[in-house]
PDB file of N, CA and C in Angstrom:
ATOM      1  N   MET A   1    -213.130 -10.603  99.582  1.00  0.00           N
ATOM      2  CA  MET A   1    -213.688  -9.960 100.544  1.00  0.00           C
ATOM      3  C   MET A   1    -215.168 -10.762 100.132  1.00  0.00           C
ATOM      4  N   THR A   2    -215.892 -10.359 101.185  1.00  0.00           N
ATOM      5  CA  THR A   2    -216.438 -11.023 101.186  1.00  0.00           C
ATOM      6  C   THR A   2    -217.406  -9.701 101.690  1.00  0.00           C
ATOM      7  N   GLU A   3    -219.187  -9.786 101.386  1.00  0.00           N
ATOM      8  CA  GLU A   3    -219.871  -9.112 102.125  1.00  0.00           C
ATOM      9  C   GLU A   3    -221.049 -10.418 102.414  1.00  0.00           C
ATOM     10  N   ARG A   4    -221.623  -9.802 103.947  1.00  0.00           N
ATOM     11  CA  ARG A   4    -222.964  -9.973 104.556  1.00  0.00           C
ATOM     12  C   ARG A   4    -223.926  -9.339 104.326  1.00  0.00           C
ATOM     13  N   ALA A   5    -224.933 -10.739 104.458  1.00  0.00           N
ATOM     14  CA  ALA A   5    -226.911 -10.028 104.024  1.00  0.00           C
ATOM     15  C   ALA A   5    -227.282 -10.415 105.272  1.00  0.00           C
ATOM     16  N   THR A   6    -227.588  -9.017 105.235  1.00  0.00           N
ATOM     17  CA  THR A   6    -228.842  -9.051 106.347  1.00  0.00           C
ATOM     18  C   THR A   6    -230.220  -9.870 106.207  1.00  0.00           C
ATOM     19  N   ASP A   7    -230.694  -9.564 107.025  1.00  0.00           N
ATOM     20  CA  ASP A   7    -232.240 -10.033 106.999  1.00  0.00           C
ATOM     21  C   ASP A   7    -233.455  -8.912 107.538  1.00  0.00           C
ATOM     22  N   GLU A   8    -232.401  -7.513 107.561  1.00  0.00           N
ATOM     23  CA  GLU A   8    -232.308  -6.281 107.741  1.00  0.00           C
ATOM     24  C   GLU A   8    -233.622  -5.737 105.846  1.00  0.00           C
ATOM     25  N   ALA A   9    -234.872  -4.719 106.197  1.00  0.00           N
ATOM     26  CA  ALA A   9    -235.228  -4.728 104.867  1.00  0.00           C
ATOM     27  C   ALA A   9    -234.494  -3.012 105.440  1.00  0.00           C
ATOM     28  N   ARG A  10    -234.350  -2.744 104.316  1.00  0.00           N
ATOM     29  CA  ARG A  10    -233.595  -0.738 104.175  1.00  0.00           C
ATOM     30  C   ARG A  10    -234.989   0.193 104.156  1.00  0.00           C
ATOM     31  N   VAL A  11    -234.992   0.971 104.810  1.00  0.00           N
ATOM     32  CA  VAL A  11    -236.283   1.964 104.760  1.00  0.00           C
ATOM     33  C   VAL A  11    -235.637   2.920 104.187  1.00  0.00           C
ATOM     34  N   ILE A  12    -236.105   3.502 102.388  1.00  0.00           N
ATOM     35  CA  ILE A  12    -236.081   4.455 101.669  1.00  0.00           C
ATOM     36  C   ILE A  12    -237.348   5.485 101.570  1.00  0.00           C
ATOM     37  N   PRO A  13    -237.154   6.804 102.654  1.00  0.00           N
ATOM     38  CA  PRO A  13    -237.911   7.052 102.459  1.00  0.00           C
ATOM     39  C   PRO A  13    -238.860   7.895 101.305  1.00  0.00           C
ATOM     40  N   LEU A  14    -240.338   8.153 101.500  1.00  0.00           N
ATOM     41  CA  LEU A  14    -240.833   8.407 100.030  1.00  0.00           C
ATOM     42  C   LEU A  14    -240.549  10.136  99.904  1.00  0.00           C
ATOM     43  N   ARG A  15    -240.315  10.721 100.745  1.00  0.00           N
ATOM     44  CA  ARG A  15    -240.461  12.086 101.095  1.00  0.00           C
ATOM     45  C   ARG A  15    -239.047  13.003 101.287  1.00  0.00           C
ATOM     46  N   PRO A  16    -238.546  13.122 100.823  1.00  0.00           N
ATOM     47  CA  PRO A  16    -237.419  13.802 101.228  1.00  0.00           C
ATOM     48  C   PRO A  16    -237.722  15.323 103.220  1.00  0.00           C
ATOM     49  N   PRO A  17    -236.871  14.527 104.086  1.00  0.00           N
ATOM     50  CA  PRO A  17    -237.682  15.875 105.014  1.00  0.00           C
ATOM     51  C   PRO A  17    -237.269  17.014 104.172  1.00  0.00           C
ATOM     52  N   ALA A  18    -238.782  17.990 105.266  1.00  0.00           N
ATOM     53  CA  ALA A  18    -238.439  19.600 105.003  1.00  0.00           C
ATOM     54  C   ALA A  18    -238.596  20.429 104.632  1.00  0.00           C
ATOM     55  N   GLY A  19    -237.492  20.111 106.631  1.00  0.00           N
ATOM     56  CA  GLY A  19    -237.233  21.150 107.511  1.00  0.00           C
ATOM     57  C   GLY A  19    -235.808  21.757 106.833  1.00  0.00           C
ATOM     58  N   ARG A  20    -235.989  23.142 108.023  1.00  0.00           N
ATOM     59  CA  ARG A  20    -234.045  23.143 107.193  1.00  0.00           C
ATOM     60  C   ARG A  20    -233.609  22.656 108.570  1.00  0.00           C
ATOM     61  N   PRO A  21    -232.281  22.424 107.516  1.00  0.00           N
ATOM     62  CA  PRO A  21    -231.082  21.818 108.332  1.00  0.00           C
ATOM     63  C   PRO A  21    -230.514  22.462 109.290  1.00  0.00           C
ATOM     64  N   GLY A  22    -230.219  22.575 111.072  1.00  0.00           N
ATOM     65  CA  GLY A  22    -229.792  23.281 112.020  1.00  0.00           C
ATOM     66  C   GLY A  22    -230.372  24.210 112.899  1.00  0.00           C
ATOM     67  N   THR A  23    -231.853  23.857 111.969  1.00  0.00           N
ATOM     68  CA  THR A  23    -232.636  24.925 113.336  1.00  0.00           C
ATOM     69  C   THR A  23    -233.328  24.200 113.987  1.00  0.00           C
ATOM     70  N   GLY A  24    -233.643  22.700 114.070  1.00  0.00           N
ATOM     71  CA  GLY A  24    -234.069  22.536 115.679  1.00  0.00           C
ATOM     72  C   GLY A  24    -235.914  21.941 115.192  1.00  0.00           C
ATOM     73  N   THR A  25    -236.248  22.885 113.836  1.00  0.00           N
ATOM     74  CA  THR A  25    -237.543  22.526 114.180  1.00  0.00           C
ATOM     75  C   THR A  25    -237.563  21.416 113.366  1.00  0.00           C
ATOM     76  N   PRO A  26    -239.006  21.076 112.998  1.00  0.00           N
ATOM     77  CA  PRO A  26    -239.556  19.557 112.632  1.00  0.00           C
ATOM     78  C   PRO A  26    -239.984  19.871 111.120  1.00  0.00           C
ATOM     79  N   PRO A  27    -239.331  19.083 110.841  1.00  0.00           N
ATOM     80  CA  PRO A  27    -240.079  19.334 108.966  1.00  0.00           C
ATOM     81  C   PRO A  27    -241.193  19.619 108.444  1.00  0.00           C
ATOM     82  N   ALA A  28    -241.705  20.484 107.724  1.00  0.00           N
ATOM     83  CA  ALA A  28    -243.089  21.108 107.926  1.00  0.00           C
ATOM     84  C   ALA A  28    -244.096  19.865 106.459  1.00  0.00           C
ATOM     85  N   ARG A  29    -244.534  19.175 107.538  1.00  0.00           N
ATOM     86  CA  ARG A  29    -245.636  18.311 106.130  1.00  0.00           C
ATOM     87  C   ARG A  29    -246.711  19.112 106.058  1.00  0.00           C
ATOM     88  N   GLU A  30    -246.746  18.417 104.172  1.00  0.00           N
ATOM     89  CA  GLU A  30    -246.996  18.988 103.149  1.00  0.00           C
ATOM     90  C   GLU A  30    -248.308  17.713 103.031  1.00  0.00           C
ATOM     91  N   PRO A  31    -249.894  18.004 103.594  1.00  0.00           N
ATOM     92  CA  PRO A  31    -251.119  17.479 103.604  1.00  0.00           C
ATOM     93  C   PRO A  31    -251.271  17.302 102.406  1.00  0.00           C
ATOM     94  N   LEU A  32    -251.410  15.524 102.952  1.00  0.00           N
ATOM     95  CA  LEU A  32    -251.806  14.554 101.039  1.00  0.00           C
ATOM     96  C   LEU A  32    -252.959  14.816 100.560  1.00  0.00           C
ATOM     97  N   TRP A  33    -253.116  14.765  99.666  1.00  0.00           N
ATOM     98  CA  TRP A  33    -254.803  14.572  99.222  1.00  0.00           C
ATOM     99  C   TRP A  33    -255.552  14.304  99.702  1.00  0.00           C
ATOM    100  N   ARG A  34    -255.299  12.789  99.136  1.00  0.00           N
ATOM    101  CA  ARG A  34    -256.235  11.847  99.970  1.00  0.00           C
ATOM    102  C   ARG A  34    -256.327  12.245 101.289  1.00  0.00           C
ATOM    103  N   ASP A  35    -255.571  12.491 102.523  1.00  0.00           N
ATOM    104  CA  ASP A  35    -256.058  12.793 103.180  1.00  0.00           C
ATOM    105  C   ASP A  35    -257.266  13.768 103.752  1.00  0.00           C
ATOM    106  N   LEU A  36    -257.094  14.847 103.043  1.00  0.00           N
ATOM    107  CA  LEU A  36    -257.785  15.505 102.865  1.00  0.00           C
ATOM    108  C   LEU A  36    -259.237  15.755 102.119  1.00  0.00           C
ATOM    109  N   VAL A  37    -258.984  14.450 100.610  1.00  0.00           N
ATOM    110  CA  VAL A  37    -260.691  14.347 100.403  1.00  0.00           C
ATOM    111  C   VAL A  37    -261.558  13.699 101.073  1.00  0.00           C
ATOM    112  N   GLY A  38    -260.734  12.970 101.972  1.00  0.00           N
ATOM    113  CA  GLY A  38    -260.946  11.991 103.029  1.00  0.00           C
ATOM    114  C   GLY A  38    -261.414  12.579 104.454  1.00  0.00           C
ATOM    115  N   ASP A  39    -261.321  13.457 104.795  1.00  0.00           N
ATOM    116  CA  ASP A  39    -261.440  14.203 106.341  1.00  0.00           C
ATOM    117  C   ASP A  39    -262.859  15.102 105.701  1.00  0.00           C
ATOM    118  N   ALA A  40    -262.845  15.908 104.577  1.00  0.00           N
ATOM    119  CA  ALA A  40    -264.205  16.319 103.981  1.00  0.00           C
ATOM    120  C   ALA A  40    -265.113  14.860 103.670  1.00  0.00           C
ATOM    121  N   LEU A  41    -265.393  14.479 103.203  1.00  0.00           N
ATOM    122  CA  LEU A  41    -266.369  13.129 102.796  1.00  0.00           C
ATOM    123  C   LEU A  41    -266.691  12.939 104.322  1.00  0.00           C
ATOM    124  N   ARG A  42    -266.167  12.604 105.126  1.00  0.00           N
ATOM    125  CA  ARG A  42    -265.912  12.227 106.469  1.00  0.00           C
ATOM    126  C   ARG A  42    -266.968  13.846 107.456  1.00  0.00           C
ATOM    127  N   ARG A  43    -266.608  14.956 106.849  1.00  0.00           N
ATOM    128  CA  ARG A  43    -267.393  15.451 108.242  1.00  0.00           C
ATOM    129  C   ARG A  43    -268.160  15.907 107.311  1.00  0.00           C
ATOM    130  N   GLU A  44    -268.536  15.664 106.244  1.00  0.00           N
ATOM    131  CA  GLU A  44    -269.682  15.941 105.600  1.00  0.00           C
ATOM    132  C   GLU A  44    -270.734  14.600 105.650  1.00  0.00           C
ATOM    133  N   ARG A  45    -270.427  13.362 105.894  1.00  0.00           N
ATOM    134  CA  ARG A  45    -270.784  12.170 106.130  1.00  0.00           C
ATOM    135  C   ARG A  45    -271.760  12.811 107.636  1.00  0.00           C
ATOM    136  N   GLN A  46    -270.412  12.943 108.434  1.00  0.00           N
ATOM    137  CA  GLN A  46    -271.424  12.960 109.856  1.00  0.00           C
ATOM    138  C   GLN A  46    -272.178  14.069 110.428  1.00  0.00           C
ATOM    139  N   ALA A  47    -272.500  15.838 109.110  1.00  0.00           N
ATOM    140  CA  ALA A  47    -273.162  15.944 109.840  1.00  0.00           C
ATOM    141  C   ALA A  47    -274.530  15.725 108.892  1.00  0.00           C
ATOM    142  N   GLN A  48    -274.653  14.882 108.478  1.00  0.00           N
ATOM    143  CA  GLN A  48    -275.475  13.952 107.647  1.00  0.00           C
ATOM    144  C   GLN A  48    -276.094  13.542 108.641  1.00  0.00           C
ATOM    145  N   GLU A  49    -275.380  13.263 109.828  1.00  0.00           N
ATOM    146  CA  GLU A  49    -275.616  11.785 111.011  1.00  0.00           C
ATOM    147  C   GLU A  49    -275.953  10.575 109.842  1.00  0.00           C
ATOM    148  N   ARG A  50    -275.140  10.155 109.044  1.00  0.00           N
ATOM    149  CA  ARG A  50    -274.998   9.082 108.448  1.00  0.00           C
ATOM    150  C   ARG A  50    -274.673   8.089 108.714  1.00  0.00           C
ATOM    151  N   THR A  51    -274.602   6.908 108.281  1.00  0.00           N
ATOM    152  CA  THR A  51    -273.923   5.570 108.004  1.00  0.00           C
ATOM    153  C   THR A  51    -272.501   5.505 107.052  1.00  0.00           C
ATOM    154  N   LEU A  52    -271.153   4.850 107.556  1.00  0.00           N
ATOM    155  CA  LEU A  52    -270.135   4.152 106.219  1.00  0.00           C
ATOM    156  C   LEU A  52    -272.043   3.513 105.873  1.00  0.00           C
ATOM    157  N   LYS A  53    -272.547   2.435 105.512  1.00  0.00           N
ATOM    158  CA  LYS A  53    -273.618   1.487 105.288  1.00  0.00           C
ATOM    159  C   LYS A  53    -274.568   2.339 104.582  1.00  0.00           C
ATOM    160  N   ASP A  54    -274.463   3.580 104.993  1.00  0.00           N
ATOM    161  CA  ASP A  54    -275.595   3.868 103.958  1.00  0.00           C
ATOM    162  C   ASP A  54    -275.267   4.554 103.273  1.00  0.00           C
ATOM    163  N   VAL A  55    -273.942   5.165 103.313  1.00  0.00           N
ATOM    164  CA  VAL A  55    -273.546   6.111 102.455  1.00  0.00           C
ATOM    165  C   VAL A  55    -272.686   5.228 101.406  1.00  0.00           C
ATOM    166  N   ALA A  56    -272.280   4.155 101.442  1.00  0.00           N
ATOM    167  CA  ALA A  56    -271.675   3.807 100.356  1.00  0.00           C
ATOM    168  C   ALA A  56    -272.400   2.588  99.964  1.00  0.00           C
ATOM    169  N   ASP A  57    -273.672   2.538 100.187  1.00  0.00           N
ATOM    170  CA  ASP A  57    -274.550   1.220  99.500  1.00  0.00           C
ATOM    171  C   ASP A  57    -275.173   2.679  98.361  1.00  0.00           C
ATOM    172  N   ALA A  58    -275.130   3.811  98.845  1.00  0.00           N
ATOM    173  CA  ALA A  58    -276.389   4.983  98.182  1.00  0.00           C
ATOM    174  C   ALA A  58    -274.890   5.288  96.524  1.00  0.00           C
ATOM    175  N   ALA A  59    -273.793   5.068  96.978  1.00  0.00           N
ATOM    176  CA  ALA A  59    -272.755   5.194  95.780  1.00  0.00           C
ATOM    177  C   ALA A  59    -272.078   3.985  95.664  1.00  0.00           C
ATOM    178  N   ARG A  60    -272.729   2.968  95.720  1.00  0.00           N
ATOM    179  CA  ARG A  60    -272.422   1.730  95.121  1.00  0.00           C
ATOM    180  C   ARG A  60    -271.128   1.514  94.712  1.00  0.00           C
ATOM    181  N   ILE A  61    -270.732   1.718  96.377  1.00  0.00           N
ATOM    182  CA  ILE A  61    -268.639   0.991  96.673  1.00  0.00           C
ATOM    183  C   ILE A  61    -269.088   0.638  97.740  1.00  0.00           C
ATOM    184  N   SER A  62    -268.199  -0.369  98.528  1.00  0.00           N
ATOM    185  CA  SER A  62    -267.593  -1.343  98.901  1.00  0.00           C
ATOM    186  C   SER A  62    -268.365  -0.365 100.251  1.00  0.00           C
ATOM    187  N   MET A  63    -267.985  -0.854 101.841  1.00  0.00           N
ATOM    188  CA  MET A  63    -267.901  -0.114 102.909  1.00  0.00           C
ATOM    189  C   MET A  63    -266.799   0.265 103.371  1.00  0.00           C
ATOM    190  N   PRO A  64    -265.682  -1.326 103.653  1.00  0.00           N
ATOM    191  CA  PRO A  64    -264.732  -1.372 104.547  1.00  0.00           C
ATOM    192  C   PRO A  64    -263.602   0.152 102.909  1.00  0.00           C
ATOM    193  N   TYR A  65    -264.407   0.140 101.490  1.00  0.00           N
ATOM    194  CA  TYR A  65    -263.342   1.119 100.527  1.00  0.00           C
ATOM    195  C   TYR A  65    -263.804   1.999 101.244  1.00  0.00           C
ATOM    196  N   LEU A  66    -264.558   3.007 101.242  1.00  0.00           N
ATOM    197  CA  LEU A  66    -265.191   4.199 101.600  1.00  0.00           C
ATOM    198  C   LEU A  66    -264.652   4.241 103.071  1.00  0.00           C
ATOM    199  N   SER A  67    -264.401   3.341 103.876  1.00  0.00           N
ATOM    200  CA  SER A  67    -263.622   3.819 105.208  1.00  0.00           C
ATOM    201  C   SER A  67    -262.245   4.390 105.053  1.00  0.00           C
ATOM    202  N   GLU A  68    -261.754   3.766 104.183  1.00  0.00           N
ATOM    203  CA  GLU A  68    -260.372   3.785 103.660  1.00  0.00           C
ATOM    204  C   GLU A  68    -259.890   4.855 103.109  1.00  0.00           C
ATOM    205  N   VAL A  69    -261.191   5.242 102.361  1.00  0.00           N
ATOM    206  CA  VAL A  69    -260.929   6.550 101.597  1.00  0.00           C
ATOM    207  C   VAL A  69    -261.087   7.516 102.692  1.00  0.00           C
ATOM    208  N   GLU A  70    -262.132   8.016 103.771  1.00  0.00           N
ATOM    209  CA  GLU A  70    -261.993   8.612 104.205  1.00  0.00           C
ATOM    210  C   GLU A  70    -260.988   8.929 105.387  1.00  0.00           C
ATOM    211  N   ARG A  71    -260.907   7.623 105.688  1.00  0.00           N
ATOM    212  CA  ARG A  71    -259.132   7.508 106.486  1.00  0.00           C
ATOM    213  C   ARG A  71    -257.923   8.608 105.588  1.00  0.00           C
ATOM    214  N   GLY A  72    -258.216   8.473 104.692  1.00  0.00           N
ATOM    215  CA  GLY A  72    -256.862   8.184 103.510  1.00  0.00           C
ATOM    216  C   GLY A  72    -256.189   7.523 103.209  1.00  0.00           C
ATOM    217  N   ARG A  73    -256.743   5.797 102.799  1.00  0.00           N
ATOM    218  CA  ARG A  73    -256.249   5.233 102.965  1.00  0.00           C
ATOM    219  C   ARG A  73    -255.313   4.651 101.898  1.00  0.00           C
ATOM    220  N   LYS A  74    -256.849   5.186 101.386  1.00  0.00           N
ATOM    221  CA  LYS A  74    -257.216   5.303  99.845  1.00  0.00           C
ATOM    222  C   LYS A  74    -256.474   5.899  98.797  1.00  0.00           C
ATOM    223  N   GLU A  75    -256.219   6.238  97.823  1.00  0.00           N
ATOM    224  CA  GLU A  75    -256.163   6.924  96.950  1.00  0.00           C
ATOM    225  C   GLU A  75    -257.301   6.899  95.558  1.00  0.00           C
ATOM    226  N   ALA A  76    -258.298   7.714  95.965  1.00  0.00           N
ATOM    227  CA  ALA A  76    -259.791   7.131  95.422  1.00  0.00           C
ATOM    228  C   ALA A  76    -260.207   7.438  93.880  1.00  0.00           C
ATOM    229  N   SER A  77    -260.187   6.633  93.066  1.00  0.00           N
ATOM    230  CA  SER A  77    -260.028   7.063  91.677  1.00  0.00           C
ATOM    231  C   SER A  77    -261.843   8.538  91.427  1.00  0.00           C
ATOM    232  N   SER A  78    -261.358   9.871  89.920  1.00  0.00           N
ATOM    233  CA  SER A  78    -262.589  10.187  90.774  1.00  0.00           C
ATOM    234  C   SER A  78    -263.762   9.588  90.105  1.00  0.00           C
ATOM    235  N   GLU A  79    -263.628   8.507  89.624  1.00  0.00           N
ATOM    236  CA  GLU A  79    -265.248   7.615  89.985  1.00  0.00           C
ATOM    237  C   GLU A  79    -265.630   8.053  90.568  1.00  0.00           C
ATOM    238  N   VAL A  80    -264.889   7.267  91.811  1.00  0.00           N
ATOM    239  CA  VAL A  80    -265.522   6.709  92.935  1.00  0.00           C
ATOM    240  C   VAL A  80    -265.692   7.872  94.111  1.00  0.00           C
ATOM    241  N   LEU A  81    -265.159   9.071  93.572  1.00  0.00           N
ATOM    242  CA  LEU A  81    -264.793  10.636  94.473  1.00  0.00           C
ATOM    243  C   LEU A  81    -266.529  10.081  94.163  1.00  0.00           C
ATOM    244  N   ALA A  82    -266.826  10.862  92.997  1.00  0.00           N
ATOM    245  CA  ALA A  82    -267.870  11.390  92.307  1.00  0.00           C
ATOM    246  C   ALA A  82    -269.075  10.772  93.390  1.00  0.00           C
ATOM    247  N   ALA A  83    -268.934   8.907  93.310  1.00  0.00           N
ATOM    248  CA  ALA A  83    -269.931   8.476  93.118  1.00  0.00           C
ATOM    249  C   ALA A  83    -270.390   8.518  94.781  1.00  0.00           C
ATOM    250  N   ALA A  84    -269.494   9.183  95.478  1.00  0.00           N
ATOM    251  CA  ALA A  84    -269.449   9.072  97.696  1.00  0.00           C
ATOM    252  C   ALA A  84    -269.557  10.066  97.136  1.00  0.00           C
ATOM    253  N   ALA A  85    -269.847  11.805  96.468  1.00  0.00           N
ATOM    254  CA  ALA A  85    -269.948  12.748  97.346  1.00  0.00           C
ATOM    255  C   ALA A  85    -271.345  13.039  96.611  1.00  0.00           C
ATOM    256  N   HIS A  86    -272.173  12.802  95.484  1.00  0.00           N
ATOM    257  CA  HIS A  86    -273.121  12.446  94.863  1.00  0.00           C
ATOM    258  C   HIS A  86    -273.903  11.689  96.199  1.00  0.00           C
ATOM    259  N   ALA A  87    -273.886  10.320  96.271  1.00  0.00           N
ATOM    260  CA  ALA A  87    -274.790  10.359  97.655  1.00  0.00           C
ATOM    261  C   ALA A  87    -275.085  10.593  98.350  1.00  0.00           C
ATOM    262  N   LEU A  88    -274.110  12.021  99.169  1.00  0.00           N
ATOM    263  CA  LEU A  88    -273.755  12.513 100.200  1.00  0.00           C
ATOM    264  C   LEU A  88    -274.849  14.009  99.513  1.00  0.00           C
ATOM    265  N   GLY A  89    -274.780  14.042  98.028  1.00  0.00           N
ATOM    266  CA  GLY A  89    -275.770  15.006  98.105  1.00  0.00           C
ATOM    267  C   GLY A  89    -275.152  16.184  97.145  1.00  0.00           C
ATOM    268  N   LEU A  90    -273.696  16.306  97.421  1.00  0.00           N
ATOM    269  CA  LEU A  90    -272.812  16.992  97.054  1.00  0.00           C
ATOM    270  C   LEU A  90    -272.144  16.795  95.010  1.00  0.00           C
ATOM    271  N   THR A  91    -271.567  18.116  94.819  1.00  0.00           N
ATOM    272  CA  THR A  91    -270.576  17.316  92.634  1.00  0.00           C
ATOM    273  C   THR A  91    -269.546  16.676  93.349  1.00  0.00           C
ATOM    274  N   LEU A  92    -269.004  16.675  92.940  1.00  0.00           N
ATOM    275  CA  LEU A  92    -268.075  16.777  92.813  1.00  0.00           C
ATOM    276  C   LEU A  92    -266.855  18.456  92.865  1.00  0.00           C
ATOM    277  N   SER A  93    -267.312  18.897  91.624  1.00  0.00           N
ATOM    278  CA  SER A  93    -267.310  20.019  93.007  1.00  0.00           C
ATOM    279  C   SER A  93    -267.301  20.485  94.094  1.00  0.00           C
ATOM    280  N   ASP A  94    -268.450  20.452  93.940  1.00  0.00           N
ATOM    281  CA  ASP A  94    -268.957  21.275  95.641  1.00  0.00           C
ATOM    282  C   ASP A  94    -267.864  20.125  96.556  1.00  0.00           C
ATOM    283  N   LEU A  95    -267.610  18.912  96.592  1.00  0.00           N
ATOM    284  CA  LEU A  95    -266.279  17.843  96.990  1.00  0.00           C
ATOM    285  C   LEU A  95    -264.684  18.943  96.983  1.00  0.00           C
ATOM    286  N   LEU A  96    -264.683  18.895  95.715  1.00  0.00           N
ATOM    287  CA  LEU A  96    -263.146  19.708  96.166  1.00  0.00           C
ATOM    288  C   LEU A  96    -263.207  21.098  96.124  1.00  0.00           C
ATOM    289  N   THR A  97    -264.546  21.262  95.867  1.00  0.00           N
ATOM    290  CA  THR A  97    -264.067  23.423  96.466  1.00  0.00           C
ATOM    291  C   THR A  97    -263.855  23.111  98.447  1.00  0.00           C
ATOM    292  N   ARG A  98    -264.567  22.467  99.179  1.00  0.00           N
ATOM    293  CA  ARG A  98    -264.736  22.006 100.441  1.00  0.00           C
ATOM    294  C   ARG A  98    -263.341  22.097 100.445  1.00  0.00           C
ATOM    295  N   VAL A  99    -261.878  21.156  99.954  1.00  0.00           N
ATOM    296  CA  VAL A  99    -260.721  20.158 100.013  1.00  0.00           C
ATOM    297  C   VAL A  99    -259.877  21.811  99.838  1.00  0.00           C
ATOM    298  N   GLN A 100    -260.504  22.443  99.020  1.00  0.00           N
ATOM    299  CA  GLN A 100    -259.500  23.649  98.765  1.00  0.00           C
ATOM    300  C   GLN A 100    -259.480  24.019  99.554  1.00  0.00           C
ATOM    301  N   GLY A 101    -260.607  24.823  99.777  1.00  0.00           N
ATOM    302  CA  GLY A 101    -261.346  25.095 101.221  1.00  0.00           C
ATOM    303  C   GLY A 101    -259.995  25.286 102.427  1.00  0.00           C
ATOM    304  N   ASP A 102    -259.989  23.739 102.624  1.00  0.00           N
ATOM    305  CA  ASP A 102    -259.552  23.587 104.357  1.00  0.00           C
ATOM    306  C   ASP A 102    -258.213  23.946 103.379  1.00  0.00           C
ATOM    307  N   LEU A 103    -257.490  23.355 102.516  1.00  0.00           N
ATOM    308  CA  LEU A 103    -255.676  22.985 102.741  1.00  0.00           C
ATOM    309  C   LEU A 103    -255.478  25.132 102.091  1.00  0.00           C
ATOM    310  N   ALA A 104    -256.658  25.311 101.647  1.00  0.00           N
ATOM    311  CA  ALA A 104    -256.454  27.257 101.679  1.00  0.00           C
ATOM    312  C   ALA A 104    -256.563  27.976 103.766  1.00  0.00           C
ATOM    313  N   ARG A 105    -256.919  27.725 104.226  1.00  0.00           N
ATOM    314  CA  ARG A 105    -256.788  27.043 105.696  1.00  0.00           C
ATOM    315  C   ARG A 105    -255.896  26.935 106.654  1.00  0.00           C
ATOM    316  N   ARG A 106    -254.767  26.073 106.051  1.00  0.00           N
ATOM    317  CA  ARG A 106    -253.960  25.646 106.582  1.00  0.00           C
ATOM    318  C   ARG A 106    -252.304  26.336 107.146  1.00  0.00           C
ATOM    319  N   PRO A 107    -252.475  26.522 108.239  1.00  0.00           N
ATOM    320  CA  PRO A 107    -250.787  27.214 108.424  1.00  0.00           C
ATOM    321  C   PRO A 107    -249.759  27.852 107.262  1.00  0.00           C
ATOM    322  N   ALA A 108    -249.916  28.623 107.427  1.00  0.00           N
ATOM    323  CA  ALA A 108    -248.469  28.969 106.418  1.00  0.00           C
ATOM    324  C   ALA A 108    -247.078  28.562 107.050  1.00  0.00           C
ATOM    325  N   ARG A 109    -246.916  26.925 106.904  1.00  0.00           N
ATOM    326  CA  ARG A 109    -246.116  26.614 107.840  1.00  0.00           C
ATOM    327  C   ARG A 109    -244.542  26.637 107.082  1.00  0.00           C
ATOM    328  N   GLY A 110    -243.844  27.566 106.370  1.00  0.00           N
ATOM    329  CA  GLY A 110    -242.620  27.314 106.105  1.00  0.00           C
ATOM    330  C   GLY A 110    -243.019  27.406 104.235  1.00  0.00           C
ATOM    331  N   ARG A 111    -244.240  28.374 104.196  1.00  0.00           N
ATOM    332  CA  ARG A 111    -244.762  28.658 103.035  1.00  0.00           C
ATOM    333  C   ARG A 111    -244.290  30.125 102.337  1.00  0.00           C
ATOM    334  N   THR A 112    -243.844  29.993 100.918  1.00  0.00           N
ATOM    335  CA  THR A 112    -243.622  31.755 100.656  1.00  0.00           C
ATOM    336  C   THR A 112    -244.595  31.835  99.592  1.00  0.00           C
ATOM    337  N   ALA A 113    -244.664  32.959  99.572  1.00  0.00           N
ATOM    338  CA  ALA A 113    -245.525  33.792  99.310  1.00  0.00           C
ATOM    339  C   ALA A 113    -245.865  33.417  97.902  1.00  0.00           C
ATOM    340  N   ASN A 114    -247.304  32.895  98.238  1.00  0.00           N
ATOM    341  CA  ASN A 114    -248.608  33.123  96.773  1.00  0.00           C
ATOM    342  C   ASN A 114    -247.841  33.652  94.964  1.00  0.00           C
ATOM    343  N   ARG A 115    -247.044  32.594  94.458  1.00  0.00           N
ATOM    344  CA  ARG A 115    -247.025  33.159  93.500  1.00  0.00           C
ATOM    345  C   ARG A 115    -247.682  32.270  92.032  1.00  0.00           C
ATOM    346  N   THR A 116    -248.775  32.219  92.376  1.00  0.00           N
ATOM    347  CA  THR A 116    -249.635  31.184  91.060  1.00  0.00           C
ATOM    348  C   THR A 116    -251.077  31.602  91.346  1.00  0.00           C
ATOM    349  N   PRO A 117    -251.468  32.697  89.608  1.00  0.00           N
ATOM    350  CA  PRO A 117    -252.191  33.405  89.191  1.00  0.00           C
ATOM    351  C   PRO A 117    -254.081  32.934  89.537  1.00  0.00           C
ATOM    352  N   HIS A 118    -253.743  31.309  89.726  1.00  0.00           N
ATOM    353  CA  HIS A 118    -255.309  31.258  90.899  1.00  0.00           C
ATOM    354  C   HIS A 118    -255.306  30.994  91.771  1.00  0.00           C
ATOM    355  N   GLY A 119    -254.370  31.522  92.508  1.00  0.00           N
ATOM    356  CA  GLY A 119    -255.010  30.944  94.168  1.00  0.00           C
ATOM    357  C   GLY A 119    -254.767  30.092  94.670  1.00  0.00           C
ATOM    358  N   GLY A 120    -252.908  29.433  94.264  1.00  0.00           N
ATOM    359  CA  GLY A 120    -252.539  28.237  94.876  1.00  0.00           C
ATOM    360  C   GLY A 120    -253.861  27.633  94.401  1.00  0.00           C
ATOM    361  N   LEU A 121    -254.505  27.315  93.742  1.00  0.00           N
ATOM    362  CA  LEU A 121    -254.893  25.946  93.491  1.00  0.00           C
ATOM    363  C   LEU A 121    -255.073  25.450  92.079  1.00  0.00           C
ATOM    364  N   CYS A 122    -254.537  24.474  92.038  1.00  0.00           N
ATOM    365  CA  CYS A 122    -253.871  23.790  91.237  1.00  0.00           C
ATOM    366  C   CYS A 122    -254.497  22.151  90.995  1.00  0.00           C
ATOM    367  N   LEU A 123    -255.636  22.015  89.731  1.00  0.00           N
ATOM    368  CA  LEU A 123    -255.171  20.260  89.889  1.00  0.00           C
ATOM    369  C   LEU A 123    -255.021  19.545  88.624  1.00  0.00           C
ATOM    370  N   ALA A 124    -254.469  18.377  88.642  1.00  0.00           N
ATOM    371  CA  ALA A 124    -253.549  16.997  87.740  1.00  0.00           C
ATOM    372  C   ALA A 124    -254.650  16.631  86.958  1.00  0.00           C
ATOM    373  N   ALA A 125    -254.756  16.028  86.166  1.00  0.00           N
ATOM    374  CA  ALA A 125    -255.228  14.746  86.037  1.00  0.00           C
ATOM    375  C   ALA A 125    -254.064  13.829  86.321  1.00  0.00           C
TER     376      ALA A 125
END
């Protein structure tokens, strides 16, 4: 018996679909932390009418990297997030509070009742 190798790459999803089989509803997509953090940074920067270059220089990080963080393409370290937050006049706690608020305001699509004692806020190191 011979096996033929193909030149096609096999795609393995990182997350299994979260929808309910047979209901026709699309899978509920849980927001990624990096997307929420990037959105919060970008909103604050734009509210202050500052450029990427200005904030990146103040934070001492590269402008392309800050752009990637804002677009949710990079998972920034806590040091980078703190530097970006401080460049915008925020503390890391301020930034995380905004992100938590954004997450809490998302529609409860497919979510079950809140069973955590901290109102759904859980951070991991």
